Protein backbone atom coordinates (compact mmCIF):
# COMPACT_ATOMS: atom_id res chain seq x y z
CA UNK A 1 92.84 -132.33 -54.89
CA UNK A 2 91.88 -132.81 -51.34
CA UNK A 3 94.54 -135.66 -49.99
CA UNK A 4 92.12 -135.82 -47.24
CA UNK A 5 89.72 -137.10 -49.16
CA UNK A 6 91.73 -139.37 -51.21
CA UNK A 7 92.73 -140.97 -48.43
CA UNK A 8 89.15 -141.27 -47.26
CA UNK A 9 88.63 -143.20 -50.43
CA UNK A 10 91.08 -145.52 -49.80
CA UNK A 11 89.64 -146.71 -46.59
CA UNK A 12 86.48 -147.28 -48.08
CA UNK A 13 87.60 -149.03 -50.79
CA UNK A 14 90.12 -151.33 -48.03
CA UNK A 15 87.15 -152.06 -46.57
CA UNK A 16 85.72 -153.58 -49.63
CA UNK A 17 88.65 -154.88 -51.16
CA UNK A 18 91.40 -155.66 -48.39
CA UNK A 19 93.62 -156.18 -51.47
CA UNK A 20 93.50 -151.94 -52.79
CA UNK A 21 95.22 -151.66 -49.43
CA UNK A 22 99.13 -153.42 -50.26
CA UNK A 23 97.63 -152.17 -54.66
CA UNK A 24 98.06 -148.09 -53.69
CA UNK A 25 100.73 -149.29 -50.88
CA UNK A 26 103.33 -150.22 -53.11
C-alpha cells in the first residue's frame, strides 16, 4: 500500500468531512 495515497485520501476526505481529521488522528 502506498502511504502517500492513503494520506492524500484522508486529506480529500477531510475536505468533505472536517471531523474525519480528528477521527483518524485518535
